[in-house]
Amino acid sequence: MKKLSVRSLCSALVIALCVWIASMVFSFSYGEWSFFIGLGLTVVLFFFNSSGGTLSKGATMQASEAGWKIQKDNELKANVGAVFYGSALFTLISFVLMLVTFL
């Protein structure tokens, strides 16, 4: 558990650094856009690390139609790791900072 926490914190710091560098290169406000970038990254990581969702069902349906056997899987399983938790942590911190800034 301690390894996961340290890796999540490190990945949140790396994401924050990457967003900060991108804000310097593309000249956008880090404080205004960091929450939305973190939210988008978290959603994308969740969907690409999950099985049984809409994307997976479409791929499974096409593959099973070729073999004339349709598989049904109704569960959504997400195999998330430290990077997902780090992006969620970055999103949460940037949301709190955005609220403090604008309120």
C-alpha atoms as a PDB file:
ATOM      1  CA  MET A   1       0.000   0.000   0.000  1.00  0.00           C
ATOM      2  CA  LYS A   2       2.875   2.335   0.771  1.00  0.00           C
ATOM      3  CA  LYS A   3       4.407   1.701  -2.667  1.00  0.00           C
ATOM      4  CA  LEU A   4       1.129   2.578  -4.371  1.00  0.00           C
ATOM      5  CA  SER A   5       0.845   5.803  -2.379  1.00  0.00           C
ATOM      6  CA  VAL A   6       4.392   6.883  -3.204  1.00  0.00           C
ATOM      7  CA  ARG A   7       3.968   6.029  -6.888  1.00  0.00           C
ATOM      8  CA  SER A   8       0.639   7.877  -7.031  1.00  0.00           C
ATOM      9  CA  LEU A   9       2.178  10.962  -5.442  1.00  0.00           C
ATOM     10  CA  CYS A  10       5.126  10.808  -7.860  1.00  0.00           C
ATOM     11  CA  SER A  11       2.831  10.451 -10.861  1.00  0.00           C
ATOM     12  CA  ALA A  12       0.729  13.399  -9.658  1.00  0.00           C
ATOM     13  CA  LEU A  13       3.896  15.492  -9.431  1.00  0.00           C
ATOM     14  CA  VAL A  14       4.988  14.407 -12.915  1.00  0.00           C
ATOM     15  CA  ILE A  15       1.558  15.281 -14.330  1.00  0.00           C
ATOM     16  CA  ALA A  16       1.687  18.681 -12.612  1.00  0.00           C
ATOM     17  CA  LEU A  17       5.146  19.312 -14.046  1.00  0.00           C
ATOM     18  CA  CYS A  18       4.066  18.283 -17.554  1.00  0.00           C
ATOM     19  CA  VAL A  19       0.987  20.529 -17.414  1.00  0.00           C
ATOM     20  CA  TRP A  20       3.099  23.417 -16.118  1.00  0.00           C
ATOM     21  CA  ILE A  21       5.638  22.990 -18.949  1.00  0.00           C
ATOM     22  CA  ALA A  22       2.790  22.776 -21.480  1.00  0.00           C
ATOM     23  CA  SER A  23       1.305  25.978 -20.032  1.00  0.00           C
ATOM     24  CA  MET A  24       4.615  27.728 -20.632  1.00  0.00           C
ATOM     25  CA  VAL A  25       5.000  26.406 -24.182  1.00  0.00           C
ATOM     26  CA  PHE A  26       1.411  26.976 -25.338  1.00  0.00           C
ATOM     27  CA  SER A  27       0.829  30.040 -23.102  1.00  0.00           C
ATOM     28  CA  PHE A  28      -2.369  29.157 -21.265  1.00  0.00           C
ATOM     29  CA  SER A  29      -3.183  29.745 -17.614  1.00  0.00           C
ATOM     30  CA  TYR A  30      -2.073  26.832 -15.464  1.00  0.00           C
ATOM     31  CA  GLY A  31      -4.574  27.648 -12.712  1.00  0.00           C
ATOM     32  CA  GLU A  32      -7.551  27.813 -15.028  1.00  0.00           C
ATOM     33  CA  TRP A  33      -6.890  24.729 -17.129  1.00  0.00           C
ATOM     34  CA  SER A  34      -5.143  22.277 -14.787  1.00  0.00           C
ATOM     35  CA  PHE A  35      -8.418  20.906 -13.399  1.00  0.00           C
ATOM     36  CA  PHE A  36      -9.883  20.257 -16.839  1.00  0.00           C
ATOM     37  CA  ILE A  37      -6.690  18.642 -18.107  1.00  0.00           C
ATOM     38  CA  GLY A  38      -6.523  16.446 -15.004  1.00  0.00           C
ATOM     39  CA  LEU A  39     -10.184  15.480 -15.336  1.00  0.00           C
ATOM     40  CA  GLY A  40      -9.752  14.572 -18.989  1.00  0.00           C
ATOM     41  CA  LEU A  41      -6.626  12.554 -18.247  1.00  0.00           C
ATOM     42  CA  THR A  42      -8.365  10.709 -15.419  1.00  0.00           C
ATOM     43  CA  VAL A  43     -11.360   9.813 -17.589  1.00  0.00           C
ATOM     44  CA  VAL A  44      -9.149   8.663 -20.473  1.00  0.00           C
ATOM     45  CA  LEU A  45      -6.999   6.526 -18.166  1.00  0.00           C
ATOM     46  CA  PHE A  46     -10.094   4.959 -16.618  1.00  0.00           C
ATOM     47  CA  PHE A  47     -11.626   4.050 -19.971  1.00  0.00           C
ATOM     48  CA  PHE A  48      -8.410   2.633 -21.399  1.00  0.00           C
ATOM     49  CA  ASN A  49      -7.740   0.572 -18.252  1.00  0.00           C
ATOM     50  CA  SER A  50     -11.246  -0.859 -17.970  1.00  0.00           C
ATOM     51  CA  SER A  51     -12.820  -3.935 -19.451  1.00  0.00           C
ATOM     52  CA  GLY A  52     -16.495  -4.419 -20.062  1.00  0.00           C
ATOM     53  CA  GLY A  53     -17.221  -0.813 -20.922  1.00  0.00           C
ATOM     54  CA  THR A  54     -18.590   0.620 -24.132  1.00  0.00           C
ATOM     55  CA  LEU A  55     -15.270   0.531 -25.971  1.00  0.00           C
ATOM     56  CA  SER A  56     -14.568  -3.042 -24.919  1.00  0.00           C
ATOM     57  CA  LYS A  57     -18.080  -4.220 -25.768  1.00  0.00           C
ATOM     58  CA  GLY A  58     -17.784  -2.837 -29.290  1.00  0.00           C
ATOM     59  CA  ALA A  59     -14.451  -4.561 -29.867  1.00  0.00           C
ATOM     60  CA  THR A  60     -15.694  -7.843 -28.378  1.00  0.00           C
ATOM     61  CA  MET A  61     -18.857  -7.721 -30.479  1.00  0.00           C
ATOM     62  CA  GLN A  62     -16.917  -7.259 -33.708  1.00  0.00           C
ATOM     63  CA  ALA A  63     -14.486 -10.042 -32.836  1.00  0.00           C
ATOM     64  CA  SER A  64     -17.219 -12.458 -31.793  1.00  0.00           C
ATOM     65  CA  GLU A  65     -19.331 -11.784 -34.882  1.00  0.00           C
ATOM     66  CA  ALA A  66     -16.435 -13.015 -37.000  1.00  0.00           C
ATOM     67  CA  GLY A  67     -16.539 -16.347 -35.153  1.00  0.00           C
ATOM     68  CA  TRP A  68     -20.356 -16.528 -34.994  1.00  0.00           C
ATOM     69  CA  LYS A  69     -20.323 -16.648 -31.206  1.00  0.00           C
ATOM     70  CA  ILE A  70     -21.404 -13.573 -29.266  1.00  0.00           C
ATOM     71  CA  GLN A  71     -19.985 -13.164 -25.783  1.00  0.00           C
ATOM     72  CA  LYS A  72     -21.875 -11.209 -23.168  1.00  0.00           C
ATOM     73  CA  ASP A  73     -20.039  -9.508 -20.321  1.00  0.00           C
ATOM     74  CA  ASN A  74     -22.095  -7.100 -18.254  1.00  0.00           C
ATOM     75  CA  GLU A  75     -19.522  -6.097 -15.653  1.00  0.00           C
ATOM     76  CA  LEU A  76     -17.299  -3.050 -15.823  1.00  0.00           C
ATOM     77  CA  LYS A  77     -13.900  -3.940 -14.402  1.00  0.00           C
ATOM     78  CA  ALA A  78     -11.160  -1.377 -14.111  1.00  0.00           C
ATOM     79  CA  ASN A  79      -7.557  -2.377 -13.557  1.00  0.00           C
ATOM     80  CA  VAL A  80      -6.318   1.014 -12.459  1.00  0.00           C
ATOM     81  CA  GLY A  81      -2.918   1.639 -11.003  1.00  0.00           C
ATOM     82  CA  ALA A  82      -0.697   4.326  -9.590  1.00  0.00           C
ATOM     83  CA  VAL A  83      -0.920   6.579 -12.640  1.00  0.00           C
ATOM     84  CA  PHE A  84      -4.719   6.665 -12.456  1.00  0.00           C
ATOM     85  CA  TYR A  85      -4.666   7.414  -8.739  1.00  0.00           C
ATOM     86  CA  GLY A  86      -2.020  10.074  -9.338  1.00  0.00           C
ATOM     87  CA  SER A  87      -4.126  11.752 -12.012  1.00  0.00           C
ATOM     88  CA  ALA A  88      -7.156  11.608  -9.722  1.00  0.00           C
ATOM     89  CA  LEU A  89      -5.062  13.180  -6.934  1.00  0.00           C
ATOM     90  CA  PHE A  90      -3.831  15.893  -9.315  1.00  0.00           C
ATOM     91  CA  THR A  91      -7.432  16.559 -10.390  1.00  0.00           C
ATOM     92  CA  LEU A  92      -8.618  16.823  -6.796  1.00  0.00           C
ATOM     93  CA  ILE A  93      -5.817  19.187  -5.764  1.00  0.00           C
ATOM     94  CA  SER A  94      -6.236  21.358  -8.850  1.00  0.00           C
ATOM     95  CA  PHE A  95     -10.010  21.517  -8.220  1.00  0.00           C
ATOM     96  CA  VAL A  96      -9.456  22.736  -4.665  1.00  0.00           C
ATOM     97  CA  LEU A  97      -6.903  25.299  -5.857  1.00  0.00           C
ATOM     98  CA  MET A  98      -9.274  26.467  -8.589  1.00  0.00           C
ATOM     99  CA  LEU A  99     -12.053  26.959  -6.028  1.00  0.00           C
ATOM    100  CA  VAL A 100      -9.742  28.896  -3.715  1.00  0.00           C
ATOM    101  CA  THR A 101      -8.543  31.045  -6.596  1.00  0.00           C
ATOM    102  CA  PHE A 102     -11.933  31.947  -8.006  1.00  0.00           C
ATOM    103  CA  LEU A 103     -13.951  32.250  -4.784  1.00  0.00           C
END
